[in-house]
């Protein structure tokens, strides 16, 4: 099963290839799960977001977190995909030179330029290292003309051995020496909704995450702005993600876990900046921006309570079975 999901490349580099996102099928211009015709829907959605933000007097930026194959494809042990047909590259081309004016922030080419100088992704995980996250953060700040927090580069790291998301798919699992970092120093999380609490509860294993909503405040931030960030696990609510970096950068940072924009929330919060971030492998489903945070939070809470009830019932049945076995 692992062979169908994870490719073991050169020098211990592991790549997600399958799973629910059908990763390798995304690198096709006319077929697979993300042909150019579908990418045009992404282009149109980004242009529409920029237009609506302009109408509200809000700055806008869109960020695609590249798949590790897109950046480190030269580490493939056998040819899997044509990395120059990555969704992020093809989507940028569809803007026909006007990507920046639509709020597009390119990470692919800057990351490819730095990939051999410093490791930007963990070898046994799908996510950025602190260096990769910091590079993405700086490019985003540059695009939005924000003053980056210079102290982030000096945050202390703890070196530990850990089983990461791809390494855990092997038997026995692959361990990796990583650097754990906490970007948060001056910011405080002043609000976390029920989905955040569920997400951070080990009982649920992080499976329930869409609709997570957190607010951070930082009076000492270098930019007196309010940022509303819609993103996924590359942003997240952890202190080692992009959300935490932006919380150290803006007076107020509002994070919502969603691939779609809740325009009611935008109008209610009146942010200075709206950022949308999505992992490249999640782009097979085009956005519709009909997301409703309040309804989603309620649905996720109901889902969590049902799962907890099922888990309790299974424990009760297991106890009954054990008692019956002991009494036999």
Protein backbone atom coordinates (compact mmCIF):
# COMPACT_ATOMS: atom_id res chain seq x y z
CA UNK A 1 0.00 0.00 0.00
CA UNK A 2 2.83 2.39 0.87
CA UNK A 3 4.37 1.95 -2.57
CA UNK A 4 1.16 3.30 -4.13
CA UNK A 5 1.09 6.35 -1.86
CA UNK A 6 4.72 7.26 -1.14
CA UNK A 7 7.67 7.31 -3.53
CA UNK A 8 11.13 6.88 -2.05
CA UNK A 9 13.44 9.19 -3.97
CA UNK A 10 17.15 9.85 -3.82
CA UNK A 11 18.92 10.64 -0.53
CA UNK A 12 15.96 9.65 1.65
CA UNK A 13 13.49 12.08 0.08
CA UNK A 14 9.91 10.78 0.35
CA UNK A 15 7.11 12.06 -1.89
CA UNK A 16 3.36 11.73 -1.61
CA UNK A 17 2.14 10.26 -4.90
CA UNK A 18 -1.39 8.98 -4.31
CA UNK A 19 -3.95 8.95 -1.54
CA UNK A 20 -7.20 10.91 -1.69
CA UNK A 21 -5.56 13.77 -3.61
CA UNK A 22 -4.23 11.60 -6.48
CA UNK A 23 -1.10 13.74 -6.44
CA UNK A 24 0.71 12.44 -9.53
CA UNK A 25 -2.42 12.89 -11.66
CA UNK A 26 -2.32 16.65 -11.04
CA UNK A 27 0.71 17.11 -13.32
CA UNK A 28 -1.12 16.77 -16.62
CA UNK A 29 -2.17 19.61 -18.91
CA UNK A 30 -5.07 17.84 -20.65
CA UNK A 31 -5.98 14.94 -18.36
CA UNK A 32 -5.77 13.71 -14.81
CA UNK A 33 -7.60 15.40 -11.96
CA UNK A 34 -6.51 18.98 -12.72
CA UNK A 35 -6.31 19.81 -16.44
CA UNK A 36 -5.90 23.39 -17.66
CA UNK A 37 -9.64 23.72 -18.22
CA UNK A 38 -10.20 23.25 -14.47
CA UNK A 39 -7.32 25.56 -13.57
CA UNK A 40 -9.10 28.33 -15.44
CA UNK A 41 -11.78 28.17 -12.76
CA UNK A 42 -9.06 28.85 -10.20
CA UNK A 43 -7.76 31.77 -12.26
CA UNK A 44 -11.24 33.25 -12.56
CA UNK A 45 -11.91 32.78 -8.83
CA UNK A 46 -8.66 34.56 -7.87
CA UNK A 47 -9.41 37.44 -10.23
CA UNK A 48 -12.92 37.72 -8.76
CA UNK A 49 -11.52 37.71 -5.22
CA UNK A 50 -9.12 40.52 -6.12
CA UNK A 51 -11.93 42.50 -7.74
CA UNK A 52 -14.20 42.14 -4.69
CA UNK A 53 -11.38 43.06 -2.29
CA UNK A 54 -10.57 46.14 -4.38
CA UNK A 55 -14.21 47.16 -4.13
CA UNK A 56 -13.99 46.90 -0.33
CA UNK A 57 -10.69 48.78 -0.16
CA UNK A 58 -8.88 45.64 1.01
CA UNK A 59 -5.49 44.38 -0.19
CA UNK A 60 -5.47 40.79 -1.44
CA UNK A 61 -2.90 38.02 -1.98
CA UNK A 62 -3.21 34.39 -3.07
CA UNK A 63 -0.57 31.85 -2.08
CA UNK A 64 -0.18 28.28 -3.37
CA UNK A 65 1.95 26.06 -1.12
CA UNK A 66 3.75 23.94 -3.74
CA UNK A 67 3.74 20.17 -3.53
CA UNK A 68 7.15 18.83 -2.55
CA UNK A 69 7.38 17.14 -5.96
CA UNK A 70 7.06 20.56 -7.58
CA UNK A 71 10.13 21.87 -5.76
CA UNK A 72 12.27 18.75 -5.25
CA UNK A 73 11.18 16.75 -8.29
CA UNK A 74 14.82 16.32 -9.27
CA UNK A 75 15.04 13.92 -6.31
CA UNK A 76 12.65 11.39 -7.94
CA UNK A 77 14.31 7.96 -8.09
CA UNK A 78 12.21 7.07 -11.14
CA UNK A 79 10.22 9.51 -13.30
CA UNK A 80 6.81 10.10 -11.74
CA UNK A 81 5.67 13.42 -13.18
CA UNK A 82 6.80 16.28 -15.37
CA UNK A 83 7.38 18.82 -12.60
CA UNK A 84 7.15 21.72 -15.04
CA UNK A 85 3.47 20.84 -15.49
CA UNK A 86 2.80 21.48 -11.80
CA UNK A 87 -0.61 23.07 -11.17
CA UNK A 88 0.95 26.21 -9.66
CA UNK A 89 3.12 26.75 -12.75
CA UNK A 90 0.30 26.17 -15.22
CA UNK A 91 -2.07 28.38 -13.24
CA UNK A 92 0.42 31.24 -13.20
CA UNK A 93 0.78 30.90 -16.98
CA UNK A 94 -2.99 31.21 -17.41
CA UNK A 95 -2.84 34.75 -16.04
CA UNK A 96 -0.85 35.66 -19.19
CA UNK A 97 1.57 37.96 -17.40
CA UNK A 98 -1.04 39.57 -15.15
CA UNK A 99 -0.69 37.23 -12.15
CA UNK A 100 0.78 39.87 -9.82
CA UNK A 101 -2.04 42.30 -10.49
CA UNK A 102 -4.50 39.58 -9.42
CA UNK A 103 -2.69 39.14 -6.09
CA UNK A 104 -0.70 36.05 -7.09
CA UNK A 105 2.40 35.35 -4.99
CA UNK A 106 4.79 32.96 -6.73
CA UNK A 107 6.63 30.51 -4.48
CA UNK A 108 7.73 27.92 -7.04
CA UNK A 109 10.62 29.67 -8.75
CA UNK A 110 12.08 31.31 -5.61
CA UNK A 111 11.93 27.95 -3.83
CA UNK A 112 13.55 26.11 -6.73
CA UNK A 113 16.36 28.65 -6.68
CA UNK A 114 17.00 28.02 -2.96
CA UNK A 115 16.23 24.28 -2.75
CA UNK A 116 19.85 23.07 -2.87
CA UNK A 117 21.14 25.82 -0.63
CA UNK A 118 18.83 24.93 2.26
CA UNK A 119 16.21 22.21 2.75
CA UNK A 120 12.79 23.84 2.41
CA UNK A 121 10.70 20.70 3.07
CA UNK A 122 11.19 17.84 5.49
CA UNK A 123 12.47 14.73 3.74
CA UNK A 124 9.80 12.52 5.34
CA UNK A 125 6.92 15.01 5.43
CA UNK A 126 4.78 17.02 3.02
CA UNK A 127 5.25 20.35 4.81
CA UNK A 128 7.83 23.12 4.92
CA UNK A 129 10.81 23.21 7.23
CA UNK A 130 11.25 26.45 9.22
CA UNK A 131 13.48 27.68 6.37
CA UNK A 132 10.80 26.92 3.79
CA UNK A 133 8.10 28.59 5.85
CA UNK A 134 10.28 31.64 6.43
CA UNK A 135 10.98 32.00 2.71
CA UNK A 136 7.25 31.82 1.90
CA UNK A 137 6.53 34.35 4.65
CA UNK A 138 9.09 36.84 3.34
CA UNK A 139 7.80 36.57 -0.23
CA UNK A 140 4.27 37.15 1.02
CA UNK A 141 5.33 40.21 3.05
CA UNK A 142 7.15 41.60 0.03
CA UNK A 143 4.10 41.17 -2.19
CA UNK A 144 1.85 42.91 0.35
CA UNK A 145 4.44 45.59 1.22
CA UNK A 146 4.44 44.50 4.85
CA UNK A 147 7.42 45.01 7.11
CA UNK A 148 8.55 41.49 8.03
CA UNK A 149 9.35 40.72 11.64
CA UNK A 150 13.16 40.57 11.60
CA UNK A 151 13.23 38.64 14.88
CA UNK A 152 11.65 35.54 13.34
CA UNK A 153 14.99 34.49 11.85
CA UNK A 154 16.42 34.35 15.39
CA UNK A 155 13.78 32.18 17.02
CA UNK A 156 15.35 29.22 18.87
CA UNK A 157 14.82 25.67 17.59
CA UNK A 158 14.75 22.34 19.40
CA UNK A 159 16.30 19.40 17.53
CA UNK A 160 14.37 16.16 17.99
CA UNK A 161 13.80 12.84 16.21
CA UNK A 162 10.23 12.44 15.03
CA UNK A 163 8.03 10.31 12.80
CA UNK A 164 6.56 12.67 10.20
CA UNK A 165 3.48 12.23 7.99
CA UNK A 166 5.19 10.29 5.16
CA UNK A 167 7.66 8.44 7.34
CA UNK A 168 4.76 7.10 9.37
CA UNK A 169 3.39 5.23 6.34
CA UNK A 170 6.27 2.73 6.44
CA UNK A 171 6.63 -0.38 8.59
CA UNK A 172 8.76 0.14 10.54
CA UNK A 173 8.24 3.91 10.42
CA UNK A 174 11.01 6.22 9.23
CA UNK A 175 12.35 8.69 11.78
CA UNK A 176 13.75 12.10 10.87
CA UNK A 177 15.81 14.59 12.83
CA UNK A 178 13.88 17.85 12.68
CA UNK A 179 14.03 21.32 14.18
CA UNK A 180 10.92 22.28 16.14
CA UNK A 181 10.27 26.01 16.22
CA UNK A 182 7.82 28.32 17.97
CA UNK A 183 7.40 31.53 16.00
CA UNK A 184 5.16 33.12 18.64
CA UNK A 185 6.76 35.59 21.02
CA UNK A 186 4.71 38.79 21.19
CA UNK A 187 1.36 37.68 19.80
CA UNK A 188 -1.41 36.21 21.92
CA UNK A 189 -4.21 33.97 20.77
CA UNK A 190 -7.29 35.70 22.13
CA UNK A 191 -9.95 33.51 20.55
CA UNK A 192 -10.32 29.91 19.41
CA UNK A 193 -13.64 28.46 18.31
CA UNK A 194 -14.94 24.96 19.00
CA UNK A 195 -13.30 23.53 15.86
CA UNK A 196 -9.87 24.70 17.04
CA UNK A 197 -10.43 22.98 20.36
CA UNK A 198 -11.47 19.79 18.54
CA UNK A 199 -8.46 20.06 16.23
CA UNK A 200 -6.11 20.34 19.19
CA UNK A 201 -7.75 17.44 21.05
CA UNK A 202 -5.62 14.30 20.46
CA UNK A 203 -8.80 12.20 20.60
CA UNK A 204 -9.74 13.37 17.11
CA UNK A 205 -6.26 13.10 15.63
CA UNK A 206 -6.58 16.34 13.68
CA UNK A 207 -9.19 14.87 11.33
CA UNK A 208 -11.69 17.67 11.99
CA UNK A 209 -10.13 20.97 10.93
CA UNK A 210 -12.17 22.86 8.30
CA UNK A 211 -13.89 25.76 10.04
CA UNK A 212 -11.19 26.26 12.66
CA UNK A 213 -11.21 29.97 13.56
CA UNK A 214 -8.57 31.68 15.68
CA UNK A 215 -7.69 35.32 16.42
CA UNK A 216 -4.27 36.63 17.45
CA UNK A 217 -3.41 40.10 18.71
CA UNK A 218 -0.01 41.72 18.92
CA UNK A 219 0.29 45.37 19.98
CA UNK A 220 4.04 45.30 19.33
CA UNK A 221 3.73 44.07 15.73
CA UNK A 222 5.65 45.99 13.04
CA UNK A 223 2.45 46.53 10.98
CA UNK A 224 -0.68 48.20 12.30
CA UNK A 225 -3.02 46.14 10.15
CA UNK A 226 -5.68 43.46 10.49
CA UNK A 227 -5.14 40.38 8.31
CA UNK A 228 -7.79 37.79 7.51
CA UNK A 229 -6.17 34.54 6.39
CA UNK A 230 -8.08 31.64 4.82
CA UNK A 231 -5.79 28.61 4.63
CA UNK A 232 -5.03 24.98 5.42
CA UNK A 233 -2.35 23.02 7.29
CA UNK A 234 0.49 25.16 5.89
CA UNK A 235 -1.11 28.05 7.80
CA UNK A 236 -2.93 26.16 10.57
CA UNK A 237 -3.24 27.07 14.22
CA UNK A 238 0.12 25.68 15.37
CA UNK A 239 2.87 27.97 16.59
CA UNK A 240 5.21 26.61 13.89
CA UNK A 241 3.12 27.60 10.84
CA UNK A 242 2.52 30.60 8.59
CA UNK A 243 -0.35 31.81 10.78
CA UNK A 244 2.02 32.22 13.71
CA UNK A 245 4.51 34.18 11.58
CA UNK A 246 1.80 36.56 10.42
CA UNK A 247 0.55 36.89 14.00
CA UNK A 248 4.03 38.22 14.82
CA UNK A 249 3.73 40.66 11.93
CA UNK A 250 0.26 42.24 12.19
CA UNK A 251 -1.64 43.97 14.98
CA UNK A 252 -4.41 41.42 14.48
CA UNK A 253 -4.40 38.13 12.57
CA UNK A 254 -7.63 36.20 12.00
CA UNK A 255 -7.23 32.66 10.69
CA UNK A 256 -9.97 30.50 9.18
CA UNK A 257 -9.31 26.96 7.94
CA UNK A 258 -11.03 26.99 4.56
CA UNK A 259 -10.21 26.80 0.86
CA UNK A 260 -13.11 29.18 0.24
CA UNK A 261 -13.78 32.75 1.32
CA UNK A 262 -16.62 33.70 3.65
CA UNK A 263 -17.50 37.14 2.28
CA UNK A 264 -19.89 37.79 5.17
CA UNK A 265 -16.93 37.48 7.52
CA UNK A 266 -14.83 39.77 5.32
CA UNK A 267 -17.50 42.48 5.40
CA UNK A 268 -18.03 42.05 9.14
CA UNK A 269 -14.35 42.19 10.12
CA UNK A 270 -13.31 44.89 7.63
CA UNK A 271 -9.69 43.66 7.42
CA UNK A 272 -6.90 45.62 5.78
CA UNK A 273 -5.66 42.49 4.01
CA UNK A 274 -7.22 39.21 2.88
CA UNK A 275 -4.92 36.27 2.13
CA UNK A 276 -6.00 32.96 0.64
CA UNK A 277 -3.57 30.03 0.90
CA UNK A 278 -3.99 26.48 -0.39
CA UNK A 279 -1.75 23.46 -0.75
CA UNK A 280 -1.19 22.57 -4.39
CA UNK A 281 -2.47 19.01 -3.90
CA UNK A 282 -5.89 20.31 -2.79
CA UNK A 283 -6.51 22.27 -5.98
CA UNK A 284 -8.40 19.52 -7.84
CA UNK A 285 -11.58 21.00 -6.33
CA UNK A 286 -12.10 24.57 -7.57
CA UNK A 287 -13.35 27.17 -5.05
CA UNK A 288 -16.90 28.47 -4.98
CA UNK A 289 -16.47 31.01 -2.13
CA UNK A 290 -19.87 30.15 -0.67
CA UNK A 291 -18.27 29.16 2.62
CA UNK A 292 -20.22 29.98 5.79
CA UNK A 293 -18.05 29.86 8.90
CA UNK A 294 -20.88 29.74 11.41
CA UNK A 295 -22.72 26.89 9.71
CA UNK A 296 -19.48 24.96 9.22
CA UNK A 297 -18.50 25.31 12.87
CA UNK A 298 -21.89 23.91 13.94
CA UNK A 299 -21.65 21.00 11.48
CA UNK A 300 -18.14 20.14 12.66
CA UNK A 301 -19.18 20.28 16.29
CA UNK A 302 -22.05 17.86 15.60
CA UNK A 303 -19.66 15.57 13.71
CA UNK A 304 -17.21 15.55 16.62
CA UNK A 305 -19.92 14.79 19.19
CA UNK A 306 -21.18 11.88 17.07
CA UNK A 307 -17.68 10.47 16.78
CA UNK A 308 -17.18 10.79 20.52
CA UNK A 309 -20.49 9.01 21.16
CA UNK A 310 -19.52 6.17 18.81
CA UNK A 311 -16.14 5.85 20.53
CA UNK A 312 -17.82 5.69 23.96
CA UNK A 313 -20.26 3.02 22.74
CA UNK A 314 -17.38 0.93 21.38
CA UNK A 315 -15.59 1.17 24.71
CA UNK A 316 -18.74 0.06 26.54
CA UNK A 317 -19.19 -2.91 24.19
CA UNK A 318 -15.51 -3.84 24.61
CA UNK A 319 -15.92 -3.76 28.41
CA UNK A 320 -19.01 -5.93 28.21
CA UNK A 321 -17.16 -8.38 26.00
CA UNK A 322 -14.22 -8.51 28.39
CA UNK A 323 -16.49 -9.07 31.39
CA UNK A 324 -18.35 -11.84 29.59
CA UNK A 325 -15.04 -13.47 28.68
CA UNK A 326 -13.77 -13.26 32.26
CA UNK A 327 -17.03 -14.71 33.61
CA UNK A 328 -17.05 -17.65 31.19
